Amino acid sequence: MQFTISVQGLEEALTALKKAETDLKQPILDTLKGGAQLIRSEAITSIQSGSKTGRIYKKYNPTREHRASAPGEAPASDTGNLVSNIMVEDKGESVEVQSKAEYSKYLEYGTSKMEARPYMFPAYEKSREKIVEAVFKKIATTLENLAKWVIIV
């Protein structure tokens, strides 16, 4: 007994695949923009919520007490400056999440006099898998639609 398998519509599928490359570009970039917003949101949430266990400072103008974060914890919000300076920037072919506060890098990486209070990298790590899944779904849906062009007989 013998079977012959042939493919019909392969040329059309390959043409559609080349077109899909162009068609997928913007949806993937849009998905990355959404992912960048997710990272930004995670960073802000880590700063504004969760119990901080660092020492308590007396602050003036206005007079208040502020509990700082301990080493390894996300920074504790005080004035809101750090949070308001976390931004998403569309770079055309990529998307950037950055903190533009002058002291951002000192908090993220620490200094010779202060241990790190990371908030950006943990936000990225927490969001990464969701972003990869979203991009994969966009690609998988497009490929699934292309497979309809091919008929195996």
Protein backbone atom coordinates (compact mmCIF):
# COMPACT_ATOMS: atom_id res chain seq x y z
CA MET A 1 0.00 0.00 0.00
CA GLN A 2 1.28 3.43 -0.88
CA PHE A 3 0.16 7.00 -0.10
CA THR A 4 1.16 10.12 -1.92
CA ILE A 5 1.07 13.36 0.00
CA SER A 6 1.13 16.65 -1.81
CA VAL A 7 0.59 20.22 -0.80
CA GLN A 8 -1.71 22.58 -2.63
CA GLY A 9 -1.60 26.31 -2.06
CA LEU A 10 2.02 26.39 -0.90
CA GLU A 11 2.93 29.33 -3.13
CA GLU A 12 -0.06 31.30 -1.87
CA ALA A 13 0.88 30.47 1.72
CA LEU A 14 4.48 31.62 1.19
CA THR A 15 3.26 34.85 -0.38
CA ALA A 16 0.90 35.35 2.56
CA LEU A 17 3.78 34.64 4.96
CA LYS A 18 5.88 37.39 3.37
CA LYS A 19 2.91 39.73 3.72
CA ALA A 20 2.47 38.64 7.34
CA GLU A 21 5.95 39.94 8.13
CA THR A 22 4.74 43.43 7.27
CA ASP A 23 1.29 42.91 8.79
CA LEU A 24 2.75 41.70 12.11
CA LYS A 25 5.18 44.56 12.65
CA GLN A 26 2.71 47.12 14.01
CA PRO A 27 0.69 44.69 16.17
CA ILE A 28 3.92 43.44 17.76
CA LEU A 29 5.12 47.00 18.39
CA ASP A 30 1.72 47.83 19.90
CA THR A 31 2.00 44.75 22.13
CA LEU A 32 5.46 45.87 23.23
CA LYS A 33 4.09 49.31 24.08
CA GLY A 34 1.46 47.65 26.26
CA GLY A 35 4.22 45.55 27.84
CA ALA A 36 6.23 48.66 28.60
CA GLN A 37 3.19 50.17 30.30
CA LEU A 38 2.89 46.98 32.35
CA ILE A 39 6.53 47.30 33.48
CA ARG A 40 5.94 50.96 34.36
CA SER A 41 2.83 50.05 36.33
CA GLU A 42 4.65 47.27 38.23
CA ALA A 43 7.50 49.65 39.12
CA ILE A 44 5.08 52.30 40.39
CA THR A 45 3.07 49.76 42.37
CA SER A 46 6.22 48.43 44.04
CA ILE A 47 7.13 51.97 45.16
CA GLN A 48 3.68 53.04 46.31
CA SER A 49 2.53 49.86 48.04
CA GLY A 50 3.78 47.10 50.22
CA SER A 51 5.12 47.55 53.70
CA LYS A 52 8.54 49.13 53.91
CA THR A 53 10.77 48.12 56.77
CA GLY A 54 13.49 50.76 56.72
CA ARG A 55 14.11 53.39 59.34
CA ILE A 56 11.80 56.30 60.11
CA TYR A 57 12.93 59.83 59.29
CA LYS A 58 11.51 63.11 60.50
CA LYS A 59 10.93 65.33 57.47
CA TYR A 60 10.23 69.03 57.31
CA ASN A 61 8.28 71.25 54.97
CA PRO A 62 5.75 69.88 55.54
CA THR A 63 6.60 68.29 58.87
CA ARG A 64 6.00 64.55 58.74
CA GLU A 65 7.50 61.16 59.38
CA HIS A 66 8.66 58.98 56.51
CA ARG A 67 9.50 55.28 56.67
CA ALA A 68 12.22 54.47 54.18
CA SER A 69 12.66 51.16 52.43
CA ALA A 70 15.21 48.65 53.65
CA PRO A 71 17.99 47.40 51.36
CA GLY A 72 16.57 45.11 48.69
CA GLU A 73 13.04 46.57 48.95
CA ALA A 74 11.61 48.90 46.34
CA PRO A 75 12.02 52.55 47.36
CA ALA A 76 9.37 54.01 49.65
CA SER A 77 7.39 56.84 48.07
CA ASP A 78 7.74 60.20 49.81
CA THR A 79 7.26 63.16 47.48
CA GLY A 80 6.04 61.22 44.42
CA ASN A 81 8.91 62.52 42.31
CA LEU A 82 10.32 59.06 41.54
CA VAL A 83 6.93 57.70 40.47
CA SER A 84 6.10 60.72 38.33
CA ASN A 85 9.40 60.34 36.48
CA ILE A 86 8.91 56.73 35.36
CA MET A 87 8.06 57.01 31.68
CA VAL A 88 7.47 54.93 28.58
CA GLU A 89 9.06 56.26 25.42
CA ASP A 90 8.26 55.00 21.93
CA LYS A 91 11.50 54.75 19.95
CA GLY A 92 9.87 53.60 16.70
CA GLU A 93 11.32 50.09 16.43
CA SER A 94 11.49 49.66 20.21
CA VAL A 95 9.94 50.92 23.42
CA GLU A 96 11.87 52.18 26.45
CA VAL A 97 10.81 52.28 30.09
CA GLN A 98 12.95 54.68 32.05
CA SER A 99 13.06 56.59 35.27
CA LYS A 100 14.18 60.16 34.67
CA ALA A 101 14.54 61.14 38.34
CA GLU A 102 18.16 62.19 38.95
CA TYR A 103 18.61 59.66 41.73
CA SER A 104 16.99 56.67 39.99
CA LYS A 105 20.19 54.79 39.28
CA TYR A 106 21.40 55.20 42.87
CA LEU A 107 18.22 53.59 44.15
CA GLU A 108 18.26 50.80 41.56
CA TYR A 109 21.94 49.88 41.90
CA GLY A 110 22.99 51.38 45.23
CA THR A 111 26.10 53.41 45.99
CA SER A 112 29.18 52.99 48.15
CA LYS A 113 27.13 54.39 51.05
CA MET A 114 23.70 52.86 50.35
CA GLU A 115 22.55 49.40 49.33
CA ALA A 116 20.29 49.03 46.29
CA ARG A 117 16.52 49.48 46.41
CA PRO A 118 15.70 47.93 43.01
CA TYR A 119 12.34 48.64 41.42
CA MET A 120 12.81 48.75 37.63
CA PHE A 121 14.51 45.39 37.06
CA PRO A 122 12.10 43.51 39.36
CA ALA A 123 9.20 45.14 37.48
CA TYR A 124 10.73 43.96 34.19
CA GLU A 125 11.24 40.43 35.56
CA LYS A 126 7.66 40.29 36.83
CA SER A 127 6.25 41.46 33.47
CA ARG A 128 8.58 39.69 31.04
CA GLU A 129 6.70 36.40 30.70
CA LYS A 130 3.36 38.15 30.12
CA ILE A 131 4.91 40.30 27.38
CA VAL A 132 6.52 37.31 25.66
CA GLU A 133 3.20 35.41 25.79
CA ALA A 134 1.33 38.36 24.28
CA VAL A 135 3.82 38.66 21.39
CA PHE A 136 3.73 34.89 20.86
CA LYS A 137 -0.09 34.95 20.68
CA LYS A 138 0.01 37.66 17.99
CA ILE A 139 2.43 35.58 15.92
CA ALA A 140 0.59 32.28 16.53
CA THR A 141 -2.75 33.75 15.47
CA THR A 142 -1.23 35.06 12.25
CA LEU A 143 0.43 31.72 11.48
CA GLU A 144 -2.78 29.86 12.26
CA ASN A 145 -4.59 32.01 9.71
CA LEU A 146 -1.84 31.31 7.15
CA ALA A 147 -2.16 27.57 7.65
CA LYS A 148 -5.65 27.79 6.19
CA TRP A 149 -4.06 28.42 2.79
CA VAL A 150 -2.31 25.06 2.77
CA ILE A 151 -4.22 21.91 1.95
CA ILE A 152 -2.58 18.53 2.41
CA VAL A 153 -4.06 15.86 0.17
